[in-house]
Protein backbone atom coordinates (compact mmCIF):
# COMPACT_ATOMS: atom_id res chain seq x y z
CA MET A 1 8.47 26.32 -9.49
CA THR A 2 6.38 23.34 -10.93
CA GLU A 3 3.15 24.48 -12.48
CA ILE A 4 0.13 22.48 -11.23
CA PRO A 5 -2.94 22.16 -13.47
CA GLN A 6 -5.86 24.23 -11.98
CA PRO A 7 -9.63 23.60 -12.48
CA ARG A 8 -11.04 25.76 -15.13
CA THR A 9 -14.19 26.73 -13.24
CA ARG A 10 -13.10 30.37 -12.30
CA ARG A 11 -11.53 30.93 -15.63
CA SER A 12 -14.62 29.82 -17.45
CA ALA A 13 -16.76 32.09 -15.34
CA LEU A 14 -14.50 35.08 -16.02
CA VAL A 15 -14.58 34.36 -19.75
CA ALA A 16 -18.39 34.11 -19.77
CA ALA A 17 -18.59 37.35 -17.98
CA MET A 18 -16.24 39.13 -20.44
CA CYS A 19 -18.18 37.69 -23.33
CA ALA A 20 -21.45 39.06 -21.87
CA LEU A 21 -19.82 42.49 -21.58
CA VAL A 22 -18.45 42.49 -25.13
CA VAL A 23 -21.85 41.29 -26.49
CA ALA A 24 -23.77 43.96 -24.69
CA GLY A 25 -21.34 46.73 -25.80
CA THR A 26 -20.89 45.93 -29.33
CA GLY A 27 -24.00 44.02 -30.48
CA LEU A 28 -21.88 40.92 -31.37
CA VAL A 29 -23.94 37.69 -31.49
CA GLY A 30 -21.21 35.34 -30.27
CA CYS A 31 -18.09 34.95 -28.23
CA GLY A 32 -15.58 32.36 -27.97
CA SER A 33 -13.33 30.13 -30.23
CA ASP A 34 -14.06 26.94 -32.05
CA ASP A 35 -10.46 25.96 -31.52
CA PRO A 36 -10.33 23.34 -28.76
CA ASP A 37 -6.69 24.09 -28.23
CA ALA A 38 -7.16 27.83 -27.73
CA GLY A 39 -5.61 28.94 -24.36
CA THR A 40 -3.91 25.55 -23.85
CA ASN A 41 -0.29 24.57 -23.55
CA GLY A 42 -0.34 23.70 -27.18
CA VAL A 43 0.43 19.89 -27.03
CA GLY A 44 -3.03 18.96 -28.44
CA LYS A 45 -1.81 20.16 -31.76
CA LEU A 46 1.39 18.14 -31.83
CA PRO A 47 1.83 14.65 -33.30
CA VAL A 48 0.84 11.88 -31.08
CA GLU A 49 4.54 10.77 -30.61
CA GLN A 50 5.41 14.15 -29.57
CA ILE A 51 2.50 14.26 -27.06
CA GLN A 52 3.68 11.04 -25.49
CA SER A 53 7.31 12.28 -25.41
CA ARG A 54 6.32 15.73 -23.70
CA THR A 55 4.20 13.95 -20.98
CA ARG A 56 7.00 11.52 -20.11
CA ALA A 57 9.43 14.31 -19.84
CA ALA A 58 7.02 16.44 -17.69
CA ALA A 59 6.47 13.43 -15.33
CA LYS A 60 10.03 12.59 -15.07
CA SER A 61 10.91 16.19 -14.09
CA ALA A 62 8.18 16.71 -11.53
CA PRO A 63 9.55 16.37 -8.01
CA ALA A 64 6.46 14.61 -6.78
CA VAL A 65 3.07 13.00 -7.63
CA ARG A 66 0.18 11.24 -6.12
CA LEU A 67 -0.84 8.06 -7.71
CA ALA A 68 -4.13 6.18 -7.01
CA GLY A 69 -6.22 3.37 -8.49
CA THR A 70 -5.76 -0.38 -9.43
CA VAL A 71 -3.00 -2.23 -10.93
CA VAL A 72 -3.30 -5.86 -12.10
CA SER A 73 0.08 -7.58 -12.06
CA ASN A 74 1.14 -11.11 -11.93
CA GLY A 75 -2.40 -12.29 -11.53
CA GLY A 76 -3.02 -10.22 -8.62
CA THR A 77 -4.98 -7.02 -8.24
CA PHE A 78 -3.62 -4.17 -6.17
CA LYS A 79 -5.32 -0.99 -5.11
CA LEU A 80 -2.83 1.75 -4.66
CA ASP A 81 -2.82 5.19 -3.10
CA MET A 82 0.84 6.30 -3.05
CA ARG A 83 2.66 9.63 -2.89
CA LEU A 84 5.92 9.46 -4.66
CA LYS A 85 9.21 11.63 -5.12
CA GLY A 86 12.81 10.86 -6.06
CA ASP A 87 14.08 9.48 -2.86
CA GLY A 88 11.11 7.25 -1.86
CA GLY A 89 7.37 7.16 -1.27
CA THR A 90 4.64 6.48 1.21
CA GLY A 91 1.03 5.29 0.98
CA SER A 92 -1.22 2.26 1.04
CA VAL A 93 -1.60 -1.04 -0.90
CA THR A 94 -4.49 -3.37 -0.75
CA SER A 95 -4.52 -6.74 -2.19
CA LYS A 96 -6.56 -10.05 -1.69
CA ASN A 97 -4.32 -10.76 1.41
CA GLY A 98 -5.29 -7.41 3.07
CA ALA A 99 -4.15 -3.86 3.33
CA PHE A 100 -0.86 -2.55 4.45
CA GLY A 101 1.13 0.66 4.37
CA LEU A 102 4.30 1.18 2.55
CA LEU A 103 7.11 3.60 3.30
CA ARG A 104 10.41 3.95 1.62
CA VAL A 105 13.08 6.51 2.56
CA GLY A 106 16.24 6.04 0.36
CA GLU A 107 16.95 2.25 0.53
CA HIS A 108 15.06 1.86 3.80
CA LEU A 109 11.73 0.06 3.07
CA PHE A 110 9.01 -0.59 5.61
CA LEU A 111 5.64 -2.36 5.86
CA LYS A 112 2.96 -1.44 8.31
CA ALA A 113 -0.05 -3.59 8.87
CA ASP A 114 -2.33 -4.85 11.61
CA ALA A 115 -1.89 -8.33 13.50
CA GLU A 116 -4.60 -9.90 11.40
CA PHE A 117 -2.58 -9.19 8.21
CA TRP A 118 0.58 -10.69 9.55
CA ASN A 119 -1.16 -13.71 10.90
CA ARG A 120 -2.57 -14.39 7.48
CA GLN A 121 0.88 -14.26 6.01
CA ALA A 122 1.88 -16.85 8.54
CA GLY A 123 -0.85 -19.29 7.45
CA GLY A 124 -3.81 -17.80 9.21
CA LYS A 125 -3.96 -20.45 11.96
CA GLY A 126 -4.29 -17.72 14.61
CA GLY A 127 -2.66 -19.70 17.37
CA GLY A 128 0.66 -20.40 19.27
CA GLY A 129 3.88 -18.73 18.09
CA SER A 130 2.42 -17.32 14.84
CA GLU A 131 -0.25 -15.35 16.74
CA ALA A 132 2.27 -14.05 19.25
CA ALA A 133 4.53 -12.98 16.44
CA ALA A 134 1.72 -11.22 14.56
CA ASN A 135 0.73 -9.24 17.67
CA LYS A 136 4.35 -7.96 17.97
CA LEU A 137 4.14 -6.61 14.52
CA ASP A 138 0.79 -5.12 14.83
CA GLY A 139 0.79 -1.50 13.80
CA LYS A 140 4.68 -1.32 13.58
CA TYR A 141 6.79 -0.34 10.80
CA VAL A 142 8.48 -3.68 9.79
CA LYS A 143 11.70 -3.10 8.08
CA VAL A 144 12.18 -5.25 4.88
CA PRO A 145 15.63 -6.68 4.41
CA THR A 146 17.05 -5.62 1.03
CA SER A 147 17.88 -9.27 0.46
CA ASP A 148 14.32 -10.45 0.88
CA PRO A 149 12.30 -11.11 -2.35
CA ALA A 150 9.43 -8.81 -0.84
CA TYR A 151 11.91 -5.83 -0.98
CA LYS A 152 12.01 -5.80 -4.83
CA ARG A 153 8.42 -6.49 -5.21
CA PHE A 154 7.13 -3.85 -2.81
CA SER A 155 9.89 -1.17 -3.33
CA GLY A 156 8.66 -0.90 -6.99
CA PHE A 157 5.28 0.63 -5.66
CA THR A 158 7.50 3.46 -4.03
CA ASP A 159 9.88 4.15 -6.91
CA LYS A 160 8.49 7.13 -8.81
CA ASP A 161 10.62 6.89 -12.11
CA LEU A 162 10.51 3.08 -12.29
CA LEU A 163 6.61 2.98 -11.57
CA LEU A 164 5.91 5.66 -14.10
CA ASP A 165 8.21 4.35 -16.87
CA GLY A 166 6.29 1.15 -16.73
CA LEU A 167 2.76 2.55 -16.28
CA LEU A 168 3.04 5.29 -19.00
CA SER A 169 3.79 2.83 -21.85
CA LEU A 170 0.86 2.41 -24.29
CA HIS A 171 0.96 -0.65 -26.57
CA GLY A 172 0.57 -0.69 -30.34
CA ALA A 173 0.09 2.17 -32.69
CA LEU A 174 -0.46 5.47 -31.09
CA THR A 175 -3.31 7.80 -32.11
CA THR A 176 -5.21 10.81 -30.55
CA ASP A 177 -8.73 10.31 -29.32
CA GLY A 178 -10.04 13.73 -29.05
CA HIS A 179 -10.30 16.49 -26.26
CA HIS A 180 -11.64 15.42 -22.90
CA GLU A 181 -11.73 16.70 -19.31
CA GLN A 182 -10.38 15.28 -16.00
CA ASN A 183 -11.52 16.88 -12.74
CA GLY A 184 -12.07 20.31 -14.44
CA VAL A 185 -8.79 20.20 -16.48
CA ARG A 186 -8.81 19.89 -20.22
CA THR A 187 -7.04 17.03 -21.62
CA ILE A 188 -5.95 15.43 -24.89
CA ARG A 189 -6.30 11.70 -24.93
CA ILE A 190 -3.87 9.37 -26.75
CA THR A 191 -4.43 5.75 -27.15
CA GLY A 192 -2.62 2.49 -28.32
CA ASP A 193 -4.31 0.37 -30.76
CA LYS A 194 -7.36 2.50 -30.73
CA GLY A 195 -7.80 1.88 -26.97
CA SER A 196 -7.01 -1.86 -26.58
CA GLY A 197 -3.45 -0.90 -25.93
CA GLY A 198 -4.32 1.60 -23.22
CA THR A 199 -5.42 5.26 -23.09
CA LEU A 200 -3.78 8.28 -21.47
CA ASP A 201 -5.20 11.69 -20.67
CA VAL A 202 -2.60 14.41 -20.98
CA SER A 203 -3.13 17.81 -19.41
CA LEU A 204 -3.60 20.86 -21.84
CA GLU A 205 -3.27 23.17 -19.00
CA GLY A 206 0.11 24.00 -17.42
CA GLN A 207 2.63 21.25 -17.90
CA PRO A 208 1.53 18.34 -20.02
CA TYR A 209 1.29 15.99 -17.02
CA PRO A 210 -0.51 12.57 -17.46
CA LEU A 211 -3.70 12.73 -15.46
CA ARG A 212 -5.47 9.41 -16.00
CA LEU A 213 -4.32 6.12 -17.38
CA VAL A 214 -6.36 3.18 -18.52
CA ARG A 215 -3.93 0.21 -18.92
CA ALA A 216 -4.04 -2.30 -21.66
CA GLY A 217 -5.69 -5.55 -21.16
CA ASN A 218 -8.02 -4.52 -18.25
CA ALA A 219 -4.84 -4.15 -16.25
CA GLY A 220 -6.11 -1.21 -14.05
CA THR A 221 -6.98 2.41 -14.04
CA LEU A 222 -4.92 5.01 -12.29
CA THR A 223 -5.37 8.77 -11.64
CA LEU A 224 -2.15 11.01 -11.23
CA SER A 225 -2.56 14.23 -9.29
CA GLU A 226 -0.78 16.67 -6.94
CA TRP A 227 2.09 16.95 -9.50
CA GLY A 228 4.97 18.90 -7.91
CA LYS A 229 3.34 19.02 -4.50
CA ASP A 230 5.99 18.28 -1.88
CA PHE A 231 5.29 15.99 1.20
CA THR A 232 7.39 15.00 4.25
CA LEU A 233 9.41 11.79 3.82
CA ALA A 234 11.15 10.52 7.10
CA LEU A 235 12.18 7.38 8.81
CA PRO A 236 9.60 6.21 11.38
CA PRO A 237 10.41 6.53 15.14
CA GLN A 238 12.69 3.84 16.39
CA GLU A 239 10.12 2.83 19.07
CA GLU A 240 7.58 2.10 16.21
CA THR A 241 9.99 0.16 14.13
CA VAL A 242 10.64 -3.66 14.05
CA ASP A 243 13.62 -4.99 12.12
CA TYR A 244 12.48 -8.45 11.14
CA GLY A 245 15.95 -9.48 10.20
CA ARG A 246 14.90 -12.57 8.21
CA GLN A 247 12.78 -13.30 5.20
CA LEU A 248 9.27 -11.95 5.56
CA PRO A 249 6.26 -14.10 4.97
CA SER A 250 5.14 -13.81 1.35
CA SER A 251 2.05 -11.68 0.54
């Protein structure tokens, strides 16, 4: 069973209570440890290259993850909220051209958006055939042909291994940047080129999963959570699906 990092609040309260009992019973003046890695998974004590290697291995072996935040790619900014696993993913993407849902099950990729989105892709004229076509696609799962250029571009947002391989790469010389905390979970931060090449917070609790990534060159910030938490991934109902059959409008 995959171990998921848990917030430290209850553990901290228990430790504090135990310390109080020890102090009261023995007359000691202090309790605790100056070692920031005490009680952790130990990766904070490793050389930085090994930390990166361990977190990559943990991410690859995890059956599922949720990835949310912003990615700047090819001059465009995308806001992502995706749940991913080995055979596909589902979630939402927002770009300057609007918001749309993505679903991939195996090789089958679908986009889901409202009529306004599809009308905008068709030129935004809002009349005649383009408006009628957009209305037909409103709220439907539109199947993207594998031969369409949009397939490769959008399926990458649903490919767990491909996405993480690209995102978890820091640029330049690797160093550690101290102990931090993300949503109540202790982390060790590693950086590329002292931060200009990106930063990555790695969990010190449970598996050494990556929890927060700041990409190099102001190319976005992402949080990674729900490691190992399974979710349902299934083809949409046939009555909610439209097979476009030809090249989709670019977005």
